[in-house]
């Protein structure tokens, strides 16, 4: 409290001729004097960093998290998925001189060839099995003898080349995988992208090329690459705990009560504390991104860093708002340390941070779901189209404003300060 008291005496008091302090309601500050918010923010930072244990946590936490995920990713990345294919496609078209495909070469074979190209060699090991072996293949899959089974329908080629696709339907490939959401997501998206590319190429007379769409193909990305955006958001959520416990400790040791007797407004206390935590969180996230890239994590070379940090800032601001909500109710450091997990854990797990491809049915109700979708597309694929990620950012922005406003209002209650 010494810093706060000294600052307030200098700011709102002056001495008369008898060297007695008299109260002054307003006083013009010199341009060379620190503004009050900066002074308070500096004091909050000092209080946060003064504790060696907390200082170690601030620096060590992002380093340990990114290293642990990197080591975990190394055990998962590099896995080659064994994929079996049953091809029921029947070539029924006569050889047409004007067609890019002959009667002896069905588009299902082209699909299989593309799966065996160089870009997929480290990802998929393809085995063609007999069409009569379906029951046995399903039994083997249930025993996890391999990772996934693709069954190509009999009219695969006809449906792609037909002018009446809207009548006969789209070409279908039945996909069955082991109980692993990452394998299911990977195989489903890869198959979808290849079929779309083959259809575009076949109907335009061009060679098929892999076309990037909304839910982008990620065949060449590692486990670490895919989950790096989730790791960053998960780390940001920890500032909910840091804000709540910081202000709870300030209330518990009487600092908030003593400040309430000075000319420092509650808004200034709030804003300065939030800015201090924002600075620390920004440092942690930048450190994690730097270490992640050093460890080989992929970020698109043309990724829009302004947009990346905008998303991270929105997540940070909403987390600060949630921290203030908690800080306005809890009365002690220990209470804050307990109740924050009732907020953080649902945001992490129900929001889909660590369940890629198998999200909770109502994950879209959580801001982390929208933040992760936008951040992943921007970081990995440099997708900046408002049509694709605009809804994510808009929802996140609305949530941030609502939570922050509610947090400020509740924190400004007298009972929140003096509890």
Protein backbone atom coordinates (compact mmCIF):
# COMPACT_ATOMS: atom_id res chain seq x y z
CA UNK A 1 0.00 0.00 0.00
CA UNK A 2 2.91 2.40 0.39
CA UNK A 3 3.07 3.11 -3.34
CA UNK A 4 -0.66 3.75 -3.55
CA UNK A 5 -0.67 6.05 -0.48
CA UNK A 6 2.27 8.10 -1.67
CA UNK A 7 0.72 8.47 -5.09
CA UNK A 8 -2.59 9.64 -3.63
CA UNK A 9 -0.95 12.19 -1.31
CA UNK A 10 0.96 13.67 -4.21
CA UNK A 11 -2.09 13.64 -6.42
CA UNK A 12 -5.00 14.90 -4.37
CA UNK A 13 -3.40 16.75 -1.45
CA UNK A 14 -1.29 19.86 -1.20
CA UNK A 15 0.40 21.61 1.72
CA UNK A 16 -0.52 25.02 3.05
CA UNK A 17 1.95 27.55 4.49
CA UNK A 18 2.10 25.64 7.79
CA UNK A 19 3.13 22.48 5.99
CA UNK A 20 -0.29 20.97 6.70
CA UNK A 21 -1.96 18.75 4.12
CA UNK A 22 -5.26 20.11 2.87
CA UNK A 23 -7.63 18.31 0.46
CA UNK A 24 -7.79 19.48 -3.12
CA UNK A 25 -10.59 18.14 -5.31
CA UNK A 26 -8.80 18.65 -8.61
CA UNK A 27 -5.26 19.24 -9.56
CA UNK A 28 -3.69 19.70 -12.96
CA UNK A 29 -1.11 17.00 -13.58
CA UNK A 30 2.17 17.80 -15.21
CA UNK A 31 2.74 16.27 -18.61
CA UNK A 32 5.82 14.64 -17.11
CA UNK A 33 3.89 12.95 -14.28
CA UNK A 34 2.58 9.41 -14.79
CA UNK A 35 -1.16 9.26 -15.50
CA UNK A 36 -3.02 7.53 -12.69
CA UNK A 37 -3.93 4.43 -14.75
CA UNK A 38 -0.30 3.86 -15.72
CA UNK A 39 0.78 4.24 -12.10
CA UNK A 40 -1.86 1.79 -10.88
CA UNK A 41 -1.09 -0.66 -13.68
CA UNK A 42 2.58 -0.51 -12.73
CA UNK A 43 1.70 -1.28 -9.12
CA UNK A 44 -0.52 -4.20 -10.13
CA UNK A 45 2.33 -5.60 -12.21
CA UNK A 46 4.74 -5.20 -9.31
CA UNK A 47 2.35 -7.01 -6.99
CA UNK A 48 1.88 -9.83 -9.52
CA UNK A 49 5.61 -10.21 -10.14
CA UNK A 50 6.79 -9.65 -6.58
CA UNK A 51 5.88 -13.19 -5.57
CA UNK A 52 8.68 -15.43 -6.86
CA UNK A 53 6.39 -18.44 -7.13
CA UNK A 54 3.95 -16.48 -9.29
CA UNK A 55 6.81 -15.09 -11.38
CA UNK A 56 8.09 -18.60 -12.00
CA UNK A 57 4.57 -19.66 -12.98
CA UNK A 58 4.15 -16.78 -15.43
CA UNK A 59 7.34 -17.71 -17.28
CA UNK A 60 7.44 -21.47 -16.79
CA UNK A 61 3.77 -22.22 -17.48
CA UNK A 62 3.78 -21.43 -21.24
CA UNK A 63 7.16 -23.11 -21.70
CA UNK A 64 6.12 -26.32 -19.92
CA UNK A 65 2.74 -26.50 -21.70
CA UNK A 66 4.21 -26.11 -25.18
CA UNK A 67 7.03 -28.58 -24.47
CA UNK A 68 4.63 -31.22 -23.12
CA UNK A 69 2.34 -30.89 -26.14
CA UNK A 70 5.32 -31.06 -28.46
CA UNK A 71 6.55 -34.30 -26.86
CA UNK A 72 3.04 -35.74 -26.96
CA UNK A 73 2.73 -34.77 -30.63
CA UNK A 74 5.97 -36.54 -31.49
CA UNK A 75 4.51 -39.81 -30.29
CA UNK A 76 1.40 -39.29 -32.43
CA UNK A 77 2.78 -37.50 -35.49
CA UNK A 78 4.38 -39.70 -38.06
CA UNK A 79 1.76 -42.41 -37.60
CA UNK A 80 0.78 -44.04 -40.88
CA UNK A 81 -2.89 -44.96 -40.94
CA UNK A 82 -3.75 -48.33 -42.47
CA UNK A 83 -6.73 -47.81 -44.76
CA UNK A 84 -8.54 -50.66 -46.54
CA UNK A 85 -10.68 -49.97 -49.61
CA UNK A 86 -13.53 -51.98 -51.13
CA UNK A 87 -14.26 -50.71 -54.64
CA UNK A 88 -17.76 -51.53 -55.91
CA UNK A 89 -17.56 -49.01 -58.74
CA UNK A 90 -18.72 -50.41 -62.10
CA UNK A 91 -17.44 -48.85 -65.32
CA UNK A 92 -20.46 -48.64 -67.60
CA UNK A 93 -19.58 -45.84 -69.97
CA UNK A 94 -18.51 -46.45 -73.53
CA UNK A 95 -15.21 -45.02 -74.69
CA UNK A 96 -15.83 -41.47 -75.84
CA UNK A 97 -13.19 -39.70 -77.89
CA UNK A 98 -14.26 -36.40 -76.38
CA UNK A 99 -13.92 -37.61 -72.82
CA UNK A 100 -10.83 -37.39 -70.64
CA UNK A 101 -11.61 -40.83 -69.21
CA UNK A 102 -11.96 -44.16 -71.01
CA UNK A 103 -14.28 -47.05 -70.24
CA UNK A 104 -11.34 -48.98 -68.78
CA UNK A 105 -10.48 -46.38 -66.19
CA UNK A 106 -13.16 -45.59 -63.63
CA UNK A 107 -12.98 -42.47 -61.50
CA UNK A 108 -12.87 -44.63 -58.40
CA UNK A 109 -9.45 -45.85 -59.55
CA UNK A 110 -8.40 -42.24 -59.96
CA UNK A 111 -9.59 -41.60 -56.41
CA UNK A 112 -7.47 -44.50 -55.13
CA UNK A 113 -4.46 -43.31 -57.14
CA UNK A 114 -4.72 -39.85 -55.58
CA UNK A 115 -4.77 -41.40 -52.09
CA UNK A 116 -1.52 -43.15 -52.96
CA UNK A 117 0.25 -40.04 -54.24
CA UNK A 118 3.43 -38.76 -52.62
CA UNK A 119 1.71 -36.19 -50.40
CA UNK A 120 -0.20 -38.99 -48.67
CA UNK A 121 2.53 -41.64 -48.51
CA UNK A 122 3.51 -40.77 -44.94
CA UNK A 123 -0.12 -40.52 -43.91
CA UNK A 124 -1.98 -43.48 -45.45
CA UNK A 125 -1.08 -47.08 -46.22
CA UNK A 126 -3.65 -48.22 -48.78
CA UNK A 127 -4.80 -51.84 -49.19
CA UNK A 128 -7.39 -52.91 -51.77
CA UNK A 129 -9.55 -55.79 -50.54
CA UNK A 130 -12.09 -58.03 -52.29
CA UNK A 131 -15.68 -56.79 -52.48
CA UNK A 132 -16.89 -60.04 -50.91
CA UNK A 133 -14.73 -59.53 -47.82
CA UNK A 134 -16.84 -56.77 -46.20
CA UNK A 135 -18.00 -58.75 -43.14
CA UNK A 136 -14.49 -59.94 -42.36
CA UNK A 137 -13.09 -56.42 -42.81
CA UNK A 138 -15.63 -55.00 -40.37
CA UNK A 139 -14.69 -57.61 -37.80
CA UNK A 140 -11.02 -56.76 -38.20
CA UNK A 141 -11.82 -53.06 -37.86
CA UNK A 142 -13.81 -53.67 -34.68
CA UNK A 143 -10.71 -55.39 -33.32
CA UNK A 144 -8.65 -52.34 -34.44
CA UNK A 145 -6.50 -54.44 -36.74
CA UNK A 146 -6.37 -51.39 -39.04
CA UNK A 147 -7.62 -47.80 -38.88
CA UNK A 148 -10.31 -47.23 -41.49
CA UNK A 149 -12.43 -48.82 -44.21
CA UNK A 150 -13.61 -47.02 -47.36
CA UNK A 151 -16.39 -48.62 -49.40
CA UNK A 152 -16.85 -46.99 -52.82
CA UNK A 153 -20.39 -47.35 -54.19
CA UNK A 154 -21.12 -49.07 -57.50
CA UNK A 155 -22.28 -45.89 -59.31
CA UNK A 156 -19.41 -43.68 -58.19
CA UNK A 157 -18.19 -42.88 -61.74
CA UNK A 158 -21.67 -42.60 -63.26
CA UNK A 159 -22.83 -40.07 -60.71
CA UNK A 160 -19.78 -37.84 -61.26
CA UNK A 161 -20.03 -37.86 -65.05
CA UNK A 162 -23.82 -37.75 -65.26
CA UNK A 163 -25.57 -34.52 -66.18
CA UNK A 164 -28.34 -35.49 -63.77
CA UNK A 165 -26.40 -35.59 -60.51
CA UNK A 166 -29.19 -33.64 -58.84
CA UNK A 167 -31.50 -36.59 -59.64
CA UNK A 168 -29.20 -39.54 -59.00
CA UNK A 169 -27.40 -38.00 -56.03
CA UNK A 170 -23.74 -37.37 -55.24
CA UNK A 171 -21.02 -40.04 -55.40
CA UNK A 172 -20.74 -41.84 -52.09
CA UNK A 173 -17.89 -43.41 -50.19
CA UNK A 174 -18.87 -45.14 -46.94
CA UNK A 175 -16.29 -44.34 -44.26
CA UNK A 176 -15.87 -46.44 -41.12
CA UNK A 177 -12.98 -45.91 -38.70
CA UNK A 178 -11.79 -47.00 -35.30
CA UNK A 179 -13.03 -44.99 -32.32
CA UNK A 180 -10.59 -42.14 -32.85
CA UNK A 181 -12.05 -38.71 -33.74
CA UNK A 182 -8.79 -37.51 -35.29
CA UNK A 183 -8.69 -40.47 -37.72
CA UNK A 184 -12.36 -40.02 -38.55
CA UNK A 185 -11.98 -36.29 -39.18
CA UNK A 186 -8.83 -36.74 -41.22
CA UNK A 187 -10.22 -39.49 -43.45
CA UNK A 188 -13.60 -37.81 -43.93
CA UNK A 189 -12.15 -34.45 -44.94
CA UNK A 190 -9.51 -35.99 -47.20
CA UNK A 191 -12.12 -38.15 -48.98
CA UNK A 192 -14.51 -35.21 -49.37
CA UNK A 193 -11.83 -32.95 -50.81
CA UNK A 194 -10.62 -35.58 -53.28
CA UNK A 195 -14.13 -36.37 -54.52
CA UNK A 196 -14.89 -32.67 -54.99
CA UNK A 197 -11.64 -32.19 -56.88
CA UNK A 198 -12.29 -35.22 -59.13
CA UNK A 199 -15.81 -33.98 -59.88
CA UNK A 200 -14.58 -30.50 -60.80
CA UNK A 201 -11.83 -31.92 -62.98
CA UNK A 202 -14.00 -34.52 -64.71
CA UNK A 203 -16.73 -32.08 -65.63
CA UNK A 204 -14.39 -29.35 -66.82
CA UNK A 205 -12.02 -31.63 -68.74
CA UNK A 206 -9.08 -30.68 -66.48
CA UNK A 207 -6.79 -32.78 -64.35
CA UNK A 208 -8.12 -33.00 -60.80
CA UNK A 209 -6.43 -30.80 -58.22
CA UNK A 210 -6.94 -30.65 -54.49
CA UNK A 211 -9.14 -27.63 -53.78
CA UNK A 212 -9.08 -25.94 -50.37
CA UNK A 213 -12.56 -25.29 -48.97
CA UNK A 214 -14.16 -23.97 -45.78
CA UNK A 215 -13.21 -26.89 -43.54
CA UNK A 216 -9.74 -27.11 -44.94
CA UNK A 217 -7.88 -30.25 -45.83
CA UNK A 218 -4.99 -30.87 -43.44
CA UNK A 219 -3.38 -34.07 -44.70
CA UNK A 220 0.15 -32.65 -44.54
CA UNK A 221 -0.24 -31.18 -41.04
CA UNK A 222 0.98 -32.84 -37.88
CA UNK A 223 -0.91 -33.39 -34.65
CA UNK A 224 1.07 -30.53 -33.08
CA UNK A 225 0.16 -28.18 -35.95
CA UNK A 226 -3.55 -28.95 -35.66
CA UNK A 227 -3.70 -28.46 -31.90
CA UNK A 228 -1.39 -25.44 -31.51
CA UNK A 229 -4.33 -22.97 -31.80
CA UNK A 230 -6.17 -24.96 -29.11
CA UNK A 231 -3.09 -24.88 -26.86
CA UNK A 232 -2.90 -21.09 -27.16
CA UNK A 233 -6.57 -20.60 -26.31
CA UNK A 234 -6.32 -23.06 -23.42
CA UNK A 235 -3.37 -21.11 -22.01
CA UNK A 236 -5.24 -17.81 -22.30
CA UNK A 237 -8.09 -19.23 -20.22
CA UNK A 238 -5.69 -19.46 -17.30
CA UNK A 239 -5.84 -15.68 -16.98
CA UNK A 240 -9.38 -16.19 -15.62
CA UNK A 241 -7.70 -17.79 -12.64
CA UNK A 242 -4.97 -15.16 -12.43
CA UNK A 243 -7.40 -12.22 -12.47
CA UNK A 244 -9.82 -13.79 -10.00
CA UNK A 245 -7.10 -14.85 -7.54
CA UNK A 246 -5.25 -11.51 -7.84
CA UNK A 247 -8.26 -9.39 -6.94
CA UNK A 248 -9.38 -11.94 -4.34
CA UNK A 249 -5.97 -11.65 -2.67
CA UNK A 250 -6.20 -7.84 -2.84
CA UNK A 251 -9.56 -8.01 -1.06
CA UNK A 252 -8.34 -10.55 1.46
CA UNK A 253 -5.31 -8.52 2.54
CA UNK A 254 -7.33 -5.29 2.74
CA UNK A 255 -5.76 -3.45 -0.20
CA UNK A 256 -9.10 -2.96 -1.96
CA UNK A 257 -10.71 -1.61 1.21
CA UNK A 258 -7.91 0.92 1.76
CA UNK A 259 -7.99 2.01 -1.89
CA UNK A 260 -11.73 2.64 -1.61
CA UNK A 261 -10.97 5.41 0.93
CA UNK A 262 -8.77 7.28 -1.54
CA UNK A 263 -9.62 9.21 -4.70
CA UNK A 264 -8.90 6.14 -6.83
CA UNK A 265 -12.13 5.06 -8.51
CA UNK A 266 -13.16 1.44 -8.78
CA UNK A 267 -13.03 1.67 -12.56
CA UNK A 268 -9.40 2.74 -12.34
CA UNK A 269 -8.63 -0.18 -10.03
CA UNK A 270 -10.39 -2.51 -12.41
CA UNK A 271 -8.89 -1.20 -15.65
CA UNK A 272 -5.35 -1.05 -14.29
CA UNK A 273 -5.56 -4.61 -12.96
CA UNK A 274 -6.98 -5.86 -16.26
CA UNK A 275 -4.27 -4.09 -18.26
CA UNK A 276 -1.59 -5.61 -16.04
CA UNK A 277 -2.97 -9.10 -16.58
CA UNK A 278 -3.41 -8.41 -20.31
CA UNK A 279 0.29 -7.53 -20.58
CA UNK A 280 1.30 -10.74 -18.80
CA UNK A 281 -1.02 -12.92 -20.91
CA UNK A 282 0.19 -11.32 -24.16
CA UNK A 283 3.76 -12.05 -23.12
CA UNK A 284 2.89 -15.68 -22.36
CA UNK A 285 1.10 -16.22 -25.68
CA UNK A 286 3.90 -14.62 -27.69
CA UNK A 287 6.39 -16.82 -25.84
CA UNK A 288 4.33 -19.94 -26.63
CA UNK A 289 4.03 -19.09 -30.32
CA UNK A 290 7.79 -18.43 -30.53
CA UNK A 291 8.70 -21.70 -28.81
CA UNK A 292 6.11 -23.59 -30.86
CA UNK A 293 7.59 -22.34 -34.13
CA UNK A 294 11.09 -23.13 -32.85
CA UNK A 295 9.91 -26.71 -32.19
CA UNK A 296 8.63 -27.00 -35.75
CA UNK A 297 4.94 -26.10 -35.45
CA UNK A 298 3.51 -25.02 -38.80
CA UNK A 299 1.98 -21.57 -39.23
CA UNK A 300 1.06 -20.52 -42.75
CA UNK A 301 3.90 -18.39 -44.17
CA UNK A 302 1.38 -15.76 -45.30
CA UNK A 303 -0.81 -15.94 -42.18
CA UNK A 304 -2.43 -12.66 -41.18
CA UNK A 305 -0.78 -11.95 -37.82
CA UNK A 306 -3.00 -8.95 -37.14
CA UNK A 307 -6.06 -11.20 -37.40
CA UNK A 308 -4.38 -13.93 -35.32
CA UNK A 309 -3.68 -11.50 -32.49
CA UNK A 310 -7.13 -9.94 -32.84
CA UNK A 311 -8.71 -13.33 -32.13
CA UNK A 312 -6.31 -13.96 -29.25
CA UNK A 313 -7.01 -10.48 -27.83
CA UNK A 314 -10.77 -11.11 -27.94
CA UNK A 315 -10.29 -14.41 -26.11
CA UNK A 316 -8.05 -12.68 -23.56
CA UNK A 317 -10.52 -9.85 -23.00
CA UNK A 318 -13.45 -12.22 -22.54
CA UNK A 319 -11.35 -14.26 -20.11
CA UNK A 320 -10.55 -11.11 -18.14
CA UNK A 321 -14.27 -10.36 -18.01
CA UNK A 322 -14.98 -13.84 -16.67
CA UNK A 323 -12.22 -13.37 -14.11
CA UNK A 324 -13.83 -10.13 -12.94
CA UNK A 325 -17.18 -11.88 -12.65
CA UNK A 326 -15.63 -14.40 -10.31
CA UNK A 327 -13.62 -11.78 -8.43
CA UNK A 328 -16.81 -9.84 -7.66
CA UNK A 329 -18.25 -12.80 -5.76
CA UNK A 330 -15.37 -14.65 -4.10
CA UNK A 331 -14.06 -13.39 -0.77
CA UNK A 332 -10.68 -15.07 -0.55
CA UNK A 333 -7.74 -16.34 -2.59
CA UNK A 334 -8.66 -19.95 -1.81
CA UNK A 335 -12.25 -19.52 -2.94
CA UNK A 336 -11.09 -18.01 -6.23
CA UNK A 337 -8.64 -20.87 -6.78
CA UNK A 338 -11.47 -23.38 -6.45
CA UNK A 339 -14.31 -21.74 -8.37
CA UNK A 340 -12.28 -20.76 -11.45
CA UNK A 341 -12.10 -24.40 -12.51
CA UNK A 342 -15.88 -24.55 -12.78
CA UNK A 343 -15.47 -22.00 -15.56
CA UNK A 344 -12.17 -23.00 -17.18
CA UNK A 345 -12.77 -26.74 -17.58
CA UNK A 346 -16.13 -26.46 -19.42
CA UNK A 347 -14.64 -23.84 -21.74
CA UNK A 348 -11.72 -26.15 -22.53
CA UNK A 349 -13.45 -29.49 -22.95
CA UNK A 350 -17.09 -28.70 -23.79
CA UNK A 351 -15.87 -25.91 -26.06
CA UNK A 352 -14.00 -28.50 -28.13
CA UNK A 353 -10.39 -27.46 -27.60
CA UNK A 354 -9.10 -31.01 -27.21
CA UNK A 355 -11.78 -33.08 -29.00
CA UNK A 356 -11.12 -32.36 -32.65
CA UNK A 357 -13.67 -34.10 -34.87
CA UNK A 358 -15.87 -35.29 -32.00
CA UNK A 359 -17.10 -32.09 -30.36
CA UNK A 360 -19.77 -31.85 -27.68
CA UNK A 361 -23.24 -31.53 -29.24
CA UNK A 362 -23.68 -28.01 -27.83
CA UNK A 363 -20.07 -26.88 -28.22
CA UNK A 364 -21.26 -23.94 -30.32
CA UNK A 365 -22.64 -22.35 -27.14
CA UNK A 366 -19.11 -21.80 -25.86
CA UNK A 367 -16.91 -18.93 -27.12
CA UNK A 368 -13.87 -21.21 -27.28
CA UNK A 369 -15.54 -23.20 -30.06
CA UNK A 370 -15.84 -20.14 -32.30
CA UNK A 371 -12.42 -18.79 -31.36
CA UNK A 372 -10.73 -22.09 -32.16
CA UNK A 373 -12.44 -22.49 -35.53
CA UNK A 374 -11.41 -19.00 -36.66
CA UNK A 375 -7.89 -19.20 -35.25
CA UNK A 376 -7.20 -22.58 -36.82
CA UNK A 377 -8.29 -21.44 -40.28
CA UNK A 378 -6.25 -18.23 -40.09
CA UNK A 379 -3.08 -19.81 -38.63
CA UNK A 380 -2.96 -22.96 -40.74
CA UNK A 381 -4.55 -21.90 -44.04
CA UNK A 382 -4.46 -18.08 -44.08
CA UNK A 383 -8.23 -18.03 -44.61
CA UNK A 384 -9.34 -14.47 -43.89
CA UNK A 385 -12.65 -14.35 -45.75
CA UNK A 386 -15.41 -12.78 -43.66
CA UNK A 387 -17.87 -15.24 -45.24
CA UNK A 388 -15.98 -18.10 -43.57
CA UNK A 389 -14.73 -16.75 -40.24
CA UNK A 390 -16.93 -13.66 -39.85
CA UNK A 391 -19.57 -15.48 -37.81
CA UNK A 392 -16.89 -16.81 -35.45
CA UNK A 393 -15.39 -13.38 -34.79
CA UNK A 394 -18.79 -11.70 -34.47
CA UNK A 395 -20.00 -14.21 -31.88
CA UNK A 396 -16.71 -13.92 -29.98
CA UNK A 397 -16.91 -10.11 -30.05
CA UNK A 398 -20.49 -10.08 -28.73
CA UNK A 399 -19.59 -12.52 -25.95
CA UNK A 400 -16.54 -10.43 -25.03
CA UNK A 401 -18.54 -7.19 -24.81
CA UNK A 402 -21.37 -8.74 -22.79
CA UNK A 403 -19.11 -10.55 -20.32
CA UNK A 404 -16.80 -7.55 -19.87
CA UNK A 405 -19.66 -5.11 -19.26
CA UNK A 406 -21.31 -7.45 -16.75
CA UNK A 407 -17.96 -8.04 -15.05
CA UNK A 408 -17.31 -4.28 -14.74
CA UNK A 409 -20.80 -3.60 -13.36
CA UNK A 410 -20.60 -6.37 -10.77
CA UNK A 411 -17.06 -5.48 -9.76
CA UNK A 412 -18.09 -1.87 -9.18
CA UNK A 413 -20.52 -2.88 -6.48
CA UNK A 414 -19.43 -1.77 -3.02
CA UNK A 415 -19.88 -5.29 -1.69
CA UNK A 416 -17.51 -6.63 -4.37
CA UNK A 417 -14.74 -4.31 -3.16
CA UNK A 418 -15.27 -4.64 0.57
CA UNK A 419 -16.36 -8.29 0.75
